[in-house]
Amino acid sequence: MKKLLTAFSVLLLLTFTAPQKSSAYMVKYKEDYYRLFHVHYQQYPDDVMENIYWLEQAVKADFCNPLYTGVKIENETDWEKYRYLFMMHINLKLIEQHLRLGRTYDHQTAHFYDAPWKDLYVENLKKALSCYEAGLYYWREAKLWAEKGSVRRFYFLTITDLQNWEDERSRIEDGKLDYEKILNREIKRVKKVIDDFTAMTDKTY
């Protein structure tokens, strides 16, 4: 009996420790890449750059079959509007991530006591500037897709599963959401700070 119990224990141990077969998750469609996008309470530059990579891959990839979007798509009109909203939303997220990344390099003001490190600050400010300027490209794209999703035949069509995306589209349409204004303000400020640092001399500090 003791031998039987020992053999049974060994069999159980082998059952639970044997390598388990798992199905691989293939990242192929826009929706797959978007699911890899994530925002933490505190995001470091590497986290933001990873998100930008996944979102850019989502822009380039194909849409999955309407059955697998996780959204109720009843007809071709729903499907068309879904695609416009998706592309608009992805571009808005790319703007947000570029703003986050830009702020990690941004130096809000050129203080006189920063003069010894002005070259480093200017280098970082140029990185911030490139992030904000990239945001303008994504804003133009987001506006384009929002316009496509706001044409007359969609007036009485709301994809209820994507209410937050519908709200974004509506806010772009009525001008309440305007990243161009925000980005241009940041670009103008950063250029001035760069000029202020550049004007510093050895006698500044």
C-alpha atoms as a PDB file:
ATOM      1  CA  MET A   1       0.000   0.000   0.000  1.00  0.00           C
ATOM      2  CA  LYS A   2       2.848   2.352   0.888  1.00  0.00           C
ATOM      3  CA  LYS A   3       4.504   1.665  -2.481  1.00  0.00           C
ATOM      4  CA  LEU A   4       1.210   2.358  -4.236  1.00  0.00           C
ATOM      5  CA  LEU A   5       0.808   5.722  -2.471  1.00  0.00           C
ATOM      6  CA  THR A   6       4.399   6.669  -3.321  1.00  0.00           C
ATOM      7  CA  ALA A   7       3.857   5.819  -6.969  1.00  0.00           C
ATOM      8  CA  PHE A   8       0.622   7.829  -6.983  1.00  0.00           C
ATOM      9  CA  SER A   9       2.380  10.843  -5.405  1.00  0.00           C
ATOM     10  CA  VAL A  10       5.135  10.711  -8.023  1.00  0.00           C
ATOM     11  CA  LEU A  11       2.518  10.548 -10.780  1.00  0.00           C
ATOM     12  CA  LEU A  12       0.713  13.605  -9.368  1.00  0.00           C
ATOM     13  CA  LEU A  13       3.988  15.501  -9.098  1.00  0.00           C
ATOM     14  CA  LEU A  14       4.866  14.746 -12.709  1.00  0.00           C
ATOM     15  CA  THR A  15       1.395  15.811 -13.831  1.00  0.00           C
ATOM     16  CA  PHE A  16       1.676  19.244 -12.245  1.00  0.00           C
ATOM     17  CA  THR A  17       5.338  19.910 -13.060  1.00  0.00           C
ATOM     18  CA  ALA A  18       5.285  18.761 -16.684  1.00  0.00           C
ATOM     19  CA  PRO A  19       5.579  21.584 -19.220  1.00  0.00           C
ATOM     20  CA  GLN A  20       2.122  22.843 -20.143  1.00  0.00           C
ATOM     21  CA  LYS A  21       1.228  23.515 -23.729  1.00  0.00           C
ATOM     22  CA  SER A  22       0.109  27.113 -24.242  1.00  0.00           C
ATOM     23  CA  SER A  23      -1.281  28.767 -27.308  1.00  0.00           C
ATOM     24  CA  ALA A  24       0.818  31.602 -28.734  1.00  0.00           C
ATOM     25  CA  TYR A  25      -0.783  35.036 -28.980  1.00  0.00           C
ATOM     26  CA  MET A  26      -0.228  36.443 -32.452  1.00  0.00           C
ATOM     27  CA  VAL A  27      -0.105  40.216 -32.719  1.00  0.00           C
ATOM     28  CA  LYS A  28      -1.317  40.982 -36.212  1.00  0.00           C
ATOM     29  CA  TYR A  29      -4.212  43.425 -36.332  1.00  0.00           C
ATOM     30  CA  LYS A  30      -4.775  47.022 -35.235  1.00  0.00           C
ATOM     31  CA  GLU A  31      -6.848  45.878 -32.293  1.00  0.00           C
ATOM     32  CA  ASP A  32      -4.055  43.515 -31.132  1.00  0.00           C
ATOM     33  CA  TYR A  33      -1.471  46.306 -31.091  1.00  0.00           C
ATOM     34  CA  TYR A  34      -3.876  48.685 -29.362  1.00  0.00           C
ATOM     35  CA  ARG A  35      -4.354  46.155 -26.548  1.00  0.00           C
ATOM     36  CA  LEU A  36      -0.595  46.328 -25.893  1.00  0.00           C
ATOM     37  CA  PHE A  37      -0.864  50.076 -25.285  1.00  0.00           C
ATOM     38  CA  HIS A  38      -1.022  50.844 -21.558  1.00  0.00           C
ATOM     39  CA  VAL A  39      -0.724  53.868 -19.292  1.00  0.00           C
ATOM     40  CA  HIS A  40       0.721  53.660 -15.796  1.00  0.00           C
ATOM     41  CA  TYR A  41       0.222  56.257 -13.072  1.00  0.00           C
ATOM     42  CA  GLN A  42       3.902  57.108 -13.424  1.00  0.00           C
ATOM     43  CA  GLN A  43       5.322  56.617 -16.912  1.00  0.00           C
ATOM     44  CA  TYR A  44       9.045  56.671 -17.601  1.00  0.00           C
ATOM     45  CA  PRO A  45      10.427  57.609 -21.052  1.00  0.00           C
ATOM     46  CA  ASP A  46      10.938  53.928 -21.958  1.00  0.00           C
ATOM     47  CA  ASP A  47       7.275  53.193 -21.152  1.00  0.00           C
ATOM     48  CA  VAL A  48       6.137  56.096 -23.326  1.00  0.00           C
ATOM     49  CA  MET A  49       8.382  55.100 -26.233  1.00  0.00           C
ATOM     50  CA  GLU A  50       7.068  51.534 -26.001  1.00  0.00           C
ATOM     51  CA  ASN A  51       3.504  52.853 -26.172  1.00  0.00           C
ATOM     52  CA  ILE A  52       4.358  55.027 -29.165  1.00  0.00           C
ATOM     53  CA  TYR A  53       5.798  51.968 -30.907  1.00  0.00           C
ATOM     54  CA  TRP A  54       2.642  49.871 -30.315  1.00  0.00           C
ATOM     55  CA  LEU A  55       0.347  52.703 -31.409  1.00  0.00           C
ATOM     56  CA  GLU A  56       2.341  53.320 -34.589  1.00  0.00           C
ATOM     57  CA  GLN A  57       2.171  49.607 -35.375  1.00  0.00           C
ATOM     58  CA  ALA A  58      -1.591  49.796 -34.849  1.00  0.00           C
ATOM     59  CA  VAL A  59      -1.799  52.622 -37.400  1.00  0.00           C
ATOM     60  CA  LYS A  60       0.017  50.503 -40.015  1.00  0.00           C
ATOM     61  CA  ALA A  61      -1.725  47.159 -39.380  1.00  0.00           C
ATOM     62  CA  ASP A  62      -4.997  45.879 -40.860  1.00  0.00           C
ATOM     63  CA  PHE A  63      -8.303  45.803 -39.005  1.00  0.00           C
ATOM     64  CA  CYS A  64      -9.430  42.453 -37.662  1.00  0.00           C
ATOM     65  CA  ASN A  65     -12.717  40.856 -38.670  1.00  0.00           C
ATOM     66  CA  PRO A  66     -15.697  42.859 -37.296  1.00  0.00           C
ATOM     67  CA  LEU A  67     -16.688  39.804 -35.230  1.00  0.00           C
ATOM     68  CA  TYR A  68     -13.537  40.107 -33.105  1.00  0.00           C
ATOM     69  CA  THR A  69     -13.428  43.834 -32.371  1.00  0.00           C
ATOM     70  CA  GLY A  70     -15.222  43.501 -29.032  1.00  0.00           C
ATOM     71  CA  VAL A  71     -17.685  46.100 -30.333  1.00  0.00           C
ATOM     72  CA  LYS A  72     -21.227  45.468 -31.569  1.00  0.00           C
ATOM     73  CA  ILE A  73     -21.060  45.921 -35.356  1.00  0.00           C
ATOM     74  CA  GLU A  74     -24.434  45.295 -37.006  1.00  0.00           C
ATOM     75  CA  ASN A  75     -23.881  46.457 -40.575  1.00  0.00           C
ATOM     76  CA  GLU A  76     -21.417  47.972 -43.018  1.00  0.00           C
ATOM     77  CA  THR A  77     -22.219  51.517 -41.911  1.00  0.00           C
ATOM     78  CA  ASP A  78     -21.345  50.632 -38.308  1.00  0.00           C
ATOM     79  CA  TRP A  79     -18.144  49.019 -39.540  1.00  0.00           C
ATOM     80  CA  GLU A  80     -17.168  52.084 -41.556  1.00  0.00           C
ATOM     81  CA  LYS A  81     -17.717  54.476 -38.650  1.00  0.00           C
ATOM     82  CA  TYR A  82     -15.901  52.129 -36.250  1.00  0.00           C
ATOM     83  CA  ARG A  83     -12.808  52.268 -38.471  1.00  0.00           C
ATOM     84  CA  TYR A  84     -12.875  56.083 -38.596  1.00  0.00           C
ATOM     85  CA  LEU A  85     -13.273  56.347 -34.817  1.00  0.00           C
ATOM     86  CA  PHE A  86     -10.493  53.839 -34.225  1.00  0.00           C
ATOM     87  CA  MET A  87      -8.026  55.752 -36.385  1.00  0.00           C
ATOM     88  CA  MET A  88      -9.017  59.060 -34.801  1.00  0.00           C
ATOM     89  CA  HIS A  89      -8.567  57.650 -31.290  1.00  0.00           C
ATOM     90  CA  ILE A  90      -5.187  56.055 -32.066  1.00  0.00           C
ATOM     91  CA  ASN A  91      -3.865  59.385 -33.354  1.00  0.00           C
ATOM     92  CA  LEU A  92      -5.156  61.195 -30.262  1.00  0.00           C
ATOM     93  CA  LYS A  93      -3.318  58.684 -28.071  1.00  0.00           C
ATOM     94  CA  LEU A  94      -0.155  59.268 -30.105  1.00  0.00           C
ATOM     95  CA  ILE A  95      -0.464  62.998 -29.394  1.00  0.00           C
ATOM     96  CA  GLU A  96      -0.864  62.327 -25.663  1.00  0.00           C
ATOM     97  CA  GLN A  97       2.185  60.070 -25.613  1.00  0.00           C
ATOM     98  CA  HIS A  98       4.326  62.576 -27.523  1.00  0.00           C
ATOM     99  CA  LEU A  99       3.280  65.286 -25.066  1.00  0.00           C
ATOM    100  CA  ARG A 100       4.258  62.998 -22.179  1.00  0.00           C
ATOM    101  CA  LEU A 101       7.606  62.213 -23.782  1.00  0.00           C
ATOM    102  CA  GLY A 102       8.255  65.860 -24.606  1.00  0.00           C
ATOM    103  CA  ARG A 103       7.655  66.902 -21.016  1.00  0.00           C
ATOM    104  CA  THR A 104      10.366  64.553 -19.767  1.00  0.00           C
ATOM    105  CA  TYR A 105      12.919  66.591 -21.762  1.00  0.00           C
ATOM    106  CA  ASP A 106      11.285  69.991 -21.328  1.00  0.00           C
ATOM    107  CA  HIS A 107      12.854  72.714 -19.204  1.00  0.00           C
ATOM    108  CA  GLN A 108      10.103  75.234 -18.596  1.00  0.00           C
ATOM    109  CA  THR A 109      12.286  78.291 -17.994  1.00  0.00           C
ATOM    110  CA  ALA A 110      15.892  79.314 -18.667  1.00  0.00           C
ATOM    111  CA  HIS A 111      17.081  80.403 -15.198  1.00  0.00           C
ATOM    112  CA  PHE A 112      20.338  82.359 -15.070  1.00  0.00           C
ATOM    113  CA  TYR A 113      21.844  79.778 -12.705  1.00  0.00           C
ATOM    114  CA  ASP A 114      21.337  77.040 -15.362  1.00  0.00           C
ATOM    115  CA  ALA A 115      23.981  78.687 -17.571  1.00  0.00           C
ATOM    116  CA  PRO A 116      26.776  76.138 -16.824  1.00  0.00           C
ATOM    117  CA  TRP A 117      24.590  73.357 -18.249  1.00  0.00           C
ATOM    118  CA  LYS A 118      22.928  75.317 -21.044  1.00  0.00           C
ATOM    119  CA  ASP A 119      24.183  73.002 -23.825  1.00  0.00           C
ATOM    120  CA  LEU A 120      22.608  69.978 -22.137  1.00  0.00           C
ATOM    121  CA  TYR A 121      19.348  71.849 -21.589  1.00  0.00           C
ATOM    122  CA  VAL A 122      19.246  72.992 -25.224  1.00  0.00           C
ATOM    123  CA  GLU A 123      19.839  69.423 -26.416  1.00  0.00           C
ATOM    124  CA  ASN A 124      16.947  68.172 -24.274  1.00  0.00           C
ATOM    125  CA  LEU A 125      14.712  71.054 -25.310  1.00  0.00           C
ATOM    126  CA  LYS A 126      15.270  70.168 -28.963  1.00  0.00           C
ATOM    127  CA  LYS A 127      14.055  66.632 -28.173  1.00  0.00           C
ATOM    128  CA  ALA A 128      10.978  68.101 -26.507  1.00  0.00           C
ATOM    129  CA  LEU A 129      10.421  70.333 -29.530  1.00  0.00           C
ATOM    130  CA  SER A 130      10.567  67.375 -31.929  1.00  0.00           C
ATOM    131  CA  CYS A 131       7.970  65.548 -29.798  1.00  0.00           C
ATOM    132  CA  TYR A 132       5.570  68.504 -29.869  1.00  0.00           C
ATOM    133  CA  GLU A 133       6.068  69.002 -33.603  1.00  0.00           C
ATOM    134  CA  ALA A 134       5.349  65.297 -34.205  1.00  0.00           C
ATOM    135  CA  GLY A 135       2.137  65.800 -32.241  1.00  0.00           C
ATOM    136  CA  LEU A 136       0.961  68.304 -34.869  1.00  0.00           C
ATOM    137  CA  TYR A 137       1.177  65.613 -37.550  1.00  0.00           C
ATOM    138  CA  TYR A 138      -0.957  63.246 -35.477  1.00  0.00           C
ATOM    139  CA  TRP A 139      -3.432  66.043 -34.777  1.00  0.00           C
ATOM    140  CA  ARG A 140      -3.955  66.595 -38.495  1.00  0.00           C
ATOM    141  CA  GLU A 141      -4.563  62.862 -38.867  1.00  0.00           C
ATOM    142  CA  ALA A 142      -6.964  62.753 -35.904  1.00  0.00           C
ATOM    143  CA  LYS A 143      -8.949  65.698 -37.311  1.00  0.00           C
ATOM    144  CA  LEU A 144      -9.159  64.035 -40.713  1.00  0.00           C
ATOM    145  CA  TRP A 145     -10.574  60.809 -39.255  1.00  0.00           C
ATOM    146  CA  ALA A 146     -12.929  62.743 -36.968  1.00  0.00           C
ATOM    147  CA  GLU A 147     -14.277  64.601 -40.009  1.00  0.00           C
ATOM    148  CA  LYS A 148     -14.832  61.306 -41.831  1.00  0.00           C
ATOM    149  CA  GLY A 149     -16.752  60.022 -38.803  1.00  0.00           C
ATOM    150  CA  SER A 150     -18.898  63.174 -38.634  1.00  0.00           C
ATOM    151  CA  VAL A 151     -20.338  63.215 -42.158  1.00  0.00           C
ATOM    152  CA  ARG A 152     -24.081  63.487 -42.707  1.00  0.00           C
ATOM    153  CA  ARG A 153     -24.862  59.777 -43.030  1.00  0.00           C
ATOM    154  CA  PHE A 154     -23.471  59.200 -39.497  1.00  0.00           C
ATOM    155  CA  TYR A 155     -25.531  61.964 -37.828  1.00  0.00           C
ATOM    156  CA  PHE A 156     -27.923  59.595 -36.115  1.00  0.00           C
ATOM    157  CA  LEU A 157     -25.517  56.698 -35.709  1.00  0.00           C
ATOM    158  CA  THR A 158     -23.746  56.320 -32.378  1.00  0.00           C
ATOM    159  CA  ILE A 159     -21.627  53.274 -31.605  1.00  0.00           C
ATOM    160  CA  THR A 160     -22.656  52.938 -27.970  1.00  0.00           C
ATOM    161  CA  ASP A 161     -19.800  50.558 -27.125  1.00  0.00           C
ATOM    162  CA  LEU A 162     -17.403  53.384 -28.048  1.00  0.00           C
ATOM    163  CA  GLN A 163     -19.124  56.291 -26.323  1.00  0.00           C
ATOM    164  CA  ASN A 164     -15.831  57.838 -25.163  1.00  0.00           C
ATOM    165  CA  TRP A 165     -14.519  57.768 -28.748  1.00  0.00           C
ATOM    166  CA  GLU A 166     -17.787  59.314 -29.943  1.00  0.00           C
ATOM    167  CA  ASP A 167     -17.301  62.044 -27.326  1.00  0.00           C
ATOM    168  CA  GLU A 168     -13.776  62.692 -28.617  1.00  0.00           C
ATOM    169  CA  ARG A 169     -15.101  62.993 -32.166  1.00  0.00           C
ATOM    170  CA  SER A 170     -17.825  65.394 -31.044  1.00  0.00           C
ATOM    171  CA  ARG A 171     -15.354  67.556 -29.083  1.00  0.00           C
ATOM    172  CA  ILE A 172     -13.053  67.779 -32.117  1.00  0.00           C
ATOM    173  CA  GLU A 173     -16.004  68.712 -34.330  1.00  0.00           C
ATOM    174  CA  ASP A 174     -17.183  71.552 -32.085  1.00  0.00           C
ATOM    175  CA  GLY A 175     -13.650  72.771 -31.324  1.00  0.00           C
ATOM    176  CA  LYS A 176     -13.645  71.938 -27.602  1.00  0.00           C
ATOM    177  CA  LEU A 177     -10.750  69.526 -28.164  1.00  0.00           C
ATOM    178  CA  ASP A 178      -7.969  71.379 -29.992  1.00  0.00           C
ATOM    179  CA  TYR A 179      -4.500  69.897 -29.628  1.00  0.00           C
ATOM    180  CA  GLU A 180      -3.157  72.225 -32.314  1.00  0.00           C
ATOM    181  CA  LYS A 181      -3.602  75.180 -29.973  1.00  0.00           C
ATOM    182  CA  ILE A 182      -1.910  73.312 -27.093  1.00  0.00           C
ATOM    183  CA  LEU A 183       0.981  72.043 -29.213  1.00  0.00           C
ATOM    184  CA  ASN A 184       1.649  75.393 -30.893  1.00  0.00           C
ATOM    185  CA  ARG A 185       1.716  77.058 -27.486  1.00  0.00           C
ATOM    186  CA  GLU A 186       4.277  74.518 -26.245  1.00  0.00           C
ATOM    187  CA  ILE A 187       6.365  74.819 -29.427  1.00  0.00           C
ATOM    188  CA  LYS A 188       6.454  78.617 -29.169  1.00  0.00           C
ATOM    189  CA  ARG A 189       7.464  78.459 -25.494  1.00  0.00           C
ATOM    190  CA  VAL A 190      10.208  75.850 -26.057  1.00  0.00           C
ATOM    191  CA  LYS A 191      11.710  77.872 -28.921  1.00  0.00           C
ATOM    192  CA  LYS A 192      11.860  80.923 -26.659  1.00  0.00           C
ATOM    193  CA  VAL A 193      13.557  78.938 -23.861  1.00  0.00           C
ATOM    194  CA  ILE A 194      16.111  77.614 -26.382  1.00  0.00           C
ATOM    195  CA  ASP A 195      16.780  81.206 -27.534  1.00  0.00           C
ATOM    196  CA  ASP A 196      17.170  82.319 -23.915  1.00  0.00           C
ATOM    197  CA  PHE A 197      19.735  79.585 -23.231  1.00  0.00           C
ATOM    198  CA  THR A 198      21.567  80.293 -26.477  1.00  0.00           C
ATOM    199  CA  ALA A 199      21.880  83.968 -25.560  1.00  0.00           C
ATOM    200  CA  MET A 200      23.619  83.137 -22.259  1.00  0.00           C
ATOM    201  CA  THR A 201      27.329  83.906 -21.992  1.00  0.00           C
ATOM    202  CA  ASP A 202      30.119  83.110 -19.544  1.00  0.00           C
ATOM    203  CA  LYS A 203      29.154  86.207 -17.615  1.00  0.00           C
ATOM    204  CA  THR A 204      25.533  85.093 -17.137  1.00  0.00           C
ATOM    205  CA  TYR A 205      26.490  83.145 -14.001  1.00  0.00           C
END
